[in-house]
N, C-alpha and C. Protein backbone atom coordinates (compact mmCIF):
# COMPACT_ATOMS: atom_id res chain seq x y z
N VAL A 1 0.86 -1.19 0.00
CA VAL A 1 0.00 0.00 0.00
C VAL A 1 0.90 1.25 0.00
N LEU A 2 1.91 1.21 0.86
CA LEU A 2 2.82 2.35 0.93
C LEU A 2 3.53 2.57 -0.41
N LEU A 3 3.91 1.50 -1.05
CA LEU A 3 4.58 1.58 -2.34
C LEU A 3 3.65 2.18 -3.39
N VAL A 4 2.42 1.81 -3.37
CA VAL A 4 1.43 2.31 -4.34
C VAL A 4 1.17 3.80 -4.09
N VAL A 5 1.16 4.19 -2.85
CA VAL A 5 0.88 5.59 -2.51
C VAL A 5 2.10 6.46 -2.82
N LEU A 6 3.29 6.00 -2.53
CA LEU A 6 4.50 6.81 -2.68
C LEU A 6 5.10 6.79 -4.08
N THR A 7 4.80 5.83 -4.86
CA THR A 7 5.41 5.69 -6.18
C THR A 7 5.18 6.93 -7.06
N PRO A 8 4.00 7.46 -7.16
CA PRO A 8 3.83 8.65 -8.01
C PRO A 8 4.70 9.84 -7.54
N TYR A 9 4.84 9.96 -6.23
CA TYR A 9 5.66 11.06 -5.68
C TYR A 9 7.14 10.85 -6.00
N VAL A 10 7.59 9.63 -5.91
CA VAL A 10 8.98 9.31 -6.21
C VAL A 10 9.25 9.55 -7.71
N VAL A 11 8.32 9.11 -8.53
CA VAL A 11 8.45 9.32 -9.98
C VAL A 11 8.47 10.82 -10.27
N LEU A 12 7.59 11.56 -9.64
CA LEU A 12 7.54 13.01 -9.81
C LEU A 12 8.85 13.66 -9.37
N LEU A 13 9.38 13.20 -8.26
CA LEU A 13 10.65 13.72 -7.75
C LEU A 13 11.79 13.43 -8.73
N VAL A 14 11.84 12.24 -9.24
CA VAL A 14 12.89 11.85 -10.17
C VAL A 14 12.75 12.63 -11.49
N VAL A 15 11.55 12.84 -11.94
CA VAL A 15 11.33 13.54 -13.20
C VAL A 15 11.61 15.04 -13.05
N LEU A 16 11.18 15.62 -11.93
CA LEU A 16 11.28 17.07 -11.76
C LEU A 16 12.62 17.56 -11.22
N THR A 17 13.38 16.73 -10.57
CA THR A 17 14.64 17.16 -9.97
C THR A 17 15.58 17.82 -10.98
N PRO A 18 15.82 17.24 -12.15
CA PRO A 18 16.71 17.92 -13.10
C PRO A 18 16.20 19.31 -13.53
N HIS A 19 14.89 19.43 -13.63
CA HIS A 19 14.29 20.72 -14.00
C HIS A 19 14.50 21.75 -12.90
N VAL A 20 14.33 21.33 -11.69
CA VAL A 20 14.51 22.24 -10.55
C VAL A 20 15.98 22.65 -10.44
N VAL A 21 16.86 21.68 -10.63
CA VAL A 21 18.29 22.00 -10.57
C VAL A 21 18.64 22.98 -11.69
N LEU A 22 18.14 22.74 -12.88
CA LEU A 22 18.37 23.64 -14.00
C LEU A 22 17.82 25.03 -13.72
N LEU A 23 16.65 25.10 -13.16
CA LEU A 23 16.04 26.37 -12.82
C LEU A 23 16.89 27.13 -11.80
N VAL A 24 17.35 26.43 -10.79
CA VAL A 24 18.17 27.06 -9.74
C VAL A 24 19.51 27.54 -10.33
N VAL A 25 20.08 26.74 -11.21
CA VAL A 25 21.38 27.10 -11.78
C VAL A 25 21.24 28.26 -12.79
N LEU A 26 20.19 28.24 -13.59
CA LEU A 26 20.06 29.22 -14.66
C LEU A 26 19.40 30.53 -14.25
N THR A 27 18.69 30.57 -13.17
CA THR A 27 17.97 31.78 -12.76
C THR A 27 18.88 33.00 -12.64
N PRO A 28 20.03 32.91 -12.01
CA PRO A 28 20.87 34.12 -11.95
C PRO A 28 21.28 34.64 -13.33
N TYR A 29 21.52 33.73 -14.25
CA TYR A 29 21.89 34.15 -15.60
C TYR A 29 20.73 34.84 -16.32
N VAL A 30 19.55 34.31 -16.12
CA VAL A 30 18.35 34.92 -16.72
C VAL A 30 18.12 36.30 -16.12
N VAL A 31 18.27 36.41 -14.83
CA VAL A 31 18.11 37.71 -14.17
C VAL A 31 19.16 38.69 -14.70
N LEU A 32 20.39 38.24 -14.81
CA LEU A 32 21.46 39.07 -15.34
C LEU A 32 21.15 39.52 -16.78
N LEU A 33 20.67 38.60 -17.58
CA LEU A 33 20.31 38.91 -18.95
C LEU A 33 19.20 39.96 -19.01
N VAL A 34 18.19 39.79 -18.19
CA VAL A 34 17.07 40.73 -18.17
C VAL A 34 17.53 42.11 -17.69
N VAL A 35 18.41 42.14 -16.70
CA VAL A 35 18.89 43.40 -16.15
C VAL A 35 19.83 44.10 -17.12
N LEU A 36 20.71 43.36 -17.78
CA LEU A 36 21.75 43.97 -18.62
C LEU A 36 21.31 44.26 -20.06
N THR A 37 20.27 43.62 -20.53
CA THR A 37 19.85 43.80 -21.91
C THR A 37 19.59 45.27 -22.27
N PRO A 38 18.89 46.04 -21.46
CA PRO A 38 18.69 47.45 -21.84
C PRO A 38 20.01 48.21 -21.98
N TYR A 39 20.98 47.91 -21.13
CA TYR A 39 22.27 48.59 -21.21
C TYR A 39 23.02 48.19 -22.49
N VAL A 40 22.92 46.93 -22.84
CA VAL A 40 23.58 46.46 -24.07
C VAL A 40 22.92 47.12 -25.28
N VAL A 41 21.61 47.18 -25.28
CA VAL A 41 20.88 47.83 -26.38
C VAL A 41 21.28 49.31 -26.45
N LEU A 42 21.33 49.97 -25.32
CA LEU A 42 21.74 51.37 -25.25
C LEU A 42 23.15 51.56 -25.78
N LEU A 43 24.03 50.66 -25.40
CA LEU A 43 25.42 50.72 -25.86
C LEU A 43 25.50 50.57 -27.38
N VAL A 44 24.76 49.63 -27.91
CA VAL A 44 24.77 49.38 -29.35
C VAL A 44 24.17 50.58 -30.10
N VAL A 45 23.11 51.16 -29.55
CA VAL A 45 22.45 52.29 -30.21
C VAL A 45 23.31 53.54 -30.12
N LEU A 46 23.95 53.78 -28.97
CA LEU A 46 24.69 55.03 -28.76
C LEU A 46 26.14 54.99 -29.22
N SER A 47 26.68 53.82 -29.47
CA SER A 47 28.09 53.72 -29.85
C SER A 47 28.47 54.60 -31.04
N PRO A 48 27.69 54.60 -32.12
CA PRO A 48 28.09 55.47 -33.24
C PRO A 48 28.15 56.94 -32.85
N TYR A 49 27.22 57.37 -31.99
CA TYR A 49 27.21 58.77 -31.56
C TYR A 49 28.43 59.08 -30.71
N VAL A 50 28.81 58.14 -29.87
CA VAL A 50 30.00 58.34 -29.03
C VAL A 50 31.25 58.41 -29.91
N VAL A 51 31.32 57.54 -30.89
CA VAL A 51 32.47 57.56 -31.81
C VAL A 51 32.51 58.90 -32.54
N HIS A 52 31.36 59.36 -33.03
CA HIS A 52 31.32 60.66 -33.71
C HIS A 52 31.75 61.78 -32.76
N LEU A 53 31.29 61.70 -31.54
CA LEU A 53 31.64 62.73 -30.56
C LEU A 53 33.15 62.75 -30.32
N VAL A 54 33.72 61.57 -30.15
CA VAL A 54 35.17 61.48 -29.90
C VAL A 54 35.96 61.96 -31.11
N VAL A 55 35.49 61.61 -32.30
CA VAL A 55 36.22 61.98 -33.52
C VAL A 55 36.07 63.48 -33.81
N LEU A 56 34.87 64.02 -33.61
CA LEU A 56 34.61 65.40 -34.02
C LEU A 56 34.96 66.45 -32.98
N THR A 57 35.06 66.07 -31.71
CA THR A 57 35.32 67.06 -30.66
C THR A 57 36.59 67.87 -30.91
N PRO A 58 37.72 67.25 -31.25
CA PRO A 58 38.91 68.09 -31.49
C PRO A 58 38.70 69.09 -32.63
N HIS A 59 37.95 68.71 -33.66
CA HIS A 59 37.69 69.62 -34.77
C HIS A 59 36.83 70.80 -34.32
N VAL A 60 35.82 70.50 -33.51
CA VAL A 60 34.95 71.56 -33.01
C VAL A 60 35.74 72.50 -32.11
N VAL A 61 36.58 71.93 -31.25
CA VAL A 61 37.41 72.77 -30.37
C VAL A 61 38.32 73.66 -31.20
N LEU A 62 38.97 73.08 -32.21
CA LEU A 62 39.82 73.88 -33.09
C LEU A 62 39.04 74.98 -33.79
N LEU A 63 37.86 74.64 -34.25
CA LEU A 63 37.01 75.63 -34.93
C LEU A 63 36.66 76.77 -33.98
N VAL A 64 36.27 76.44 -32.75
CA VAL A 64 35.89 77.46 -31.77
C VAL A 64 37.10 78.31 -31.40
N VAL A 65 38.26 77.68 -31.24
CA VAL A 65 39.46 78.41 -30.84
C VAL A 65 39.99 79.28 -31.98
N LEU A 66 39.98 78.74 -33.20
CA LEU A 66 40.60 79.46 -34.31
C LEU A 66 39.71 80.48 -35.00
N THR A 67 38.39 80.35 -34.88
CA THR A 67 37.49 81.27 -35.58
C THR A 67 37.75 82.74 -35.25
N PRO A 68 37.89 83.11 -33.97
CA PRO A 68 38.17 84.53 -33.70
C PRO A 68 39.48 85.00 -34.35
N HIS A 69 40.48 84.14 -34.38
CA HIS A 69 41.76 84.51 -34.99
C HIS A 69 41.60 84.74 -36.49
N VAL A 70 40.84 83.85 -37.13
CA VAL A 70 40.61 83.99 -38.57
C VAL A 70 39.83 85.26 -38.86
N VAL A 71 38.80 85.52 -38.05
CA VAL A 71 38.00 86.73 -38.23
C VAL A 71 38.89 87.96 -38.07
N LEU A 72 39.70 87.97 -37.01
CA LEU A 72 40.61 89.10 -36.79
C LEU A 72 41.57 89.25 -37.96
N LEU A 73 42.10 88.15 -38.45
CA LEU A 73 43.03 88.19 -39.57
C LEU A 73 42.36 88.78 -40.81
N VAL A 74 41.15 88.32 -41.10
CA VAL A 74 40.43 88.80 -42.28
C VAL A 74 40.07 90.28 -42.14
N VAL A 75 39.68 90.69 -40.94
CA VAL A 75 39.27 92.07 -40.73
C VAL A 75 40.47 93.01 -40.67
N LEU A 76 41.53 92.57 -39.96
CA LEU A 76 42.65 93.48 -39.71
C LEU A 76 43.69 93.54 -40.82
N THR A 77 43.77 92.50 -41.65
CA THR A 77 44.81 92.50 -42.69
C THR A 77 44.68 93.69 -43.64
N PRO A 78 43.49 93.98 -44.17
CA PRO A 78 43.40 95.15 -45.06
C PRO A 78 43.75 96.46 -44.32
N ILE A 79 43.33 96.53 -43.05
CA ILE A 79 43.62 97.74 -42.27
C ILE A 79 45.13 97.86 -42.06
N ALA A 80 45.79 96.76 -41.73
CA ALA A 80 47.24 96.78 -41.52
C ALA A 80 47.97 97.14 -42.80
N ARG A 81 47.53 96.59 -43.91
CA ARG A 81 48.16 96.91 -45.19
C ARG A 81 48.00 98.39 -45.51
N LEU A 82 46.77 98.88 -45.32
CA LEU A 82 46.49 100.28 -45.61
C LEU A 82 47.32 101.20 -44.71
N SER A 83 47.34 100.84 -43.42
CA SER A 83 48.09 101.66 -42.46
C SER A 83 49.58 101.64 -42.78
N THR A 84 50.11 100.43 -43.04
CA THR A 84 51.53 100.31 -43.34
C THR A 84 51.88 101.05 -44.63
N THR A 85 51.04 100.86 -45.64
CA THR A 85 51.30 101.51 -46.93
C THR A 85 51.28 103.02 -46.78
N THR A 86 50.28 103.52 -46.05
CA THR A 86 50.16 104.97 -45.86
C THR A 86 51.36 105.52 -45.11
N THR A 87 51.75 104.83 -44.03
CA THR A 87 52.90 105.28 -43.24
C THR A 87 54.18 105.23 -44.06
N VAL A 88 54.38 104.14 -44.77
CA VAL A 88 55.59 103.97 -45.57
C VAL A 88 55.63 104.99 -46.70
N ASP A 89 54.48 105.20 -47.34
CA ASP A 89 54.44 106.21 -48.41
C ASP A 89 54.83 107.58 -47.89
N ALA A 90 54.29 107.91 -46.72
CA ALA A 90 54.61 109.21 -46.13
C ALA A 90 56.11 109.29 -45.81
N LYS A 91 56.68 108.25 -45.25
CA LYS A 91 58.11 108.25 -44.91
C LYS A 91 58.97 108.24 -46.18
N ARG A 92 58.49 107.52 -47.20
CA ARG A 92 59.26 107.45 -48.44
C ARG A 92 59.34 108.84 -49.08
N ARG A 93 58.21 109.55 -49.04
CA ARG A 93 58.19 110.88 -49.63
C ARG A 93 59.13 111.84 -48.90
N THR A 94 59.21 111.66 -47.56
CA THR A 94 60.07 112.56 -46.78
C THR A 94 61.48 112.04 -46.65
N GLY A 95 61.74 110.80 -47.13
CA GLY A 95 63.07 110.23 -47.08
C GLY A 95 63.45 109.66 -45.72
N GLN A 96 62.44 109.32 -44.90
CA GLN A 96 62.72 108.80 -43.55
C GLN A 96 62.57 107.28 -43.48
N LEU A 97 62.43 106.59 -44.56
CA LEU A 97 62.21 105.13 -44.57
C LEU A 97 63.52 104.41 -44.26
N THR A 98 63.50 103.58 -43.19
CA THR A 98 64.69 102.81 -42.84
C THR A 98 64.71 101.52 -43.65
N LEU A 99 65.85 100.86 -43.66
CA LEU A 99 65.98 99.60 -44.39
C LEU A 99 65.05 98.53 -43.82
N ASP A 100 64.95 98.46 -42.48
CA ASP A 100 64.03 97.50 -41.83
C ASP A 100 62.59 97.75 -42.25
N GLU A 101 62.18 99.00 -42.26
CA GLU A 101 60.81 99.32 -42.65
C GLU A 101 60.58 98.95 -44.12
N TYR A 102 61.59 99.16 -44.93
CA TYR A 102 61.47 98.82 -46.36
C TYR A 102 61.22 97.32 -46.54
N TYR A 103 62.05 96.49 -45.88
CA TYR A 103 61.89 95.02 -46.00
C TYR A 103 60.60 94.57 -45.36
N CYS A 104 60.21 95.16 -44.24
CA CYS A 104 58.95 94.80 -43.57
C CYS A 104 57.76 95.12 -44.48
N THR A 105 57.82 96.23 -45.17
CA THR A 105 56.75 96.62 -46.09
C THR A 105 56.62 95.61 -47.21
N ILE A 106 57.75 95.13 -47.72
CA ILE A 106 57.72 94.13 -48.78
C ILE A 106 57.04 92.85 -48.28
N CYS A 107 57.34 92.46 -47.03
CA CYS A 107 56.74 91.24 -46.46
C CYS A 107 55.23 91.40 -46.29
N VAL A 108 54.78 92.55 -45.81
CA VAL A 108 53.35 92.77 -45.56
C VAL A 108 52.58 92.86 -46.87
N LEU A 109 53.15 93.53 -47.85
CA LEU A 109 52.45 93.71 -49.12
C LEU A 109 52.55 92.44 -49.92
């Protein structure tokens, strides 16, 4: 009688034990997968933007740093040429042009 009553439970235990062991062993991995998947997806989606940011940042910094210099150069060069030419012309007419000023004028013009 005891054998007849206990046999289904023993069979159930033998059949289910591997499943329970598998469940216990794999649960942490499943939890890890569920927790980390959004971060992996985010990493995959954002990686190109991060690469672009890393590649382009030095160019943007150079652009921001050099733009005022270029603007000043473009704005001031004609003024410097005009000023130098006017001063040199005045000195040339009066005979006060030094050799240094002469060579400097050639470089600027």
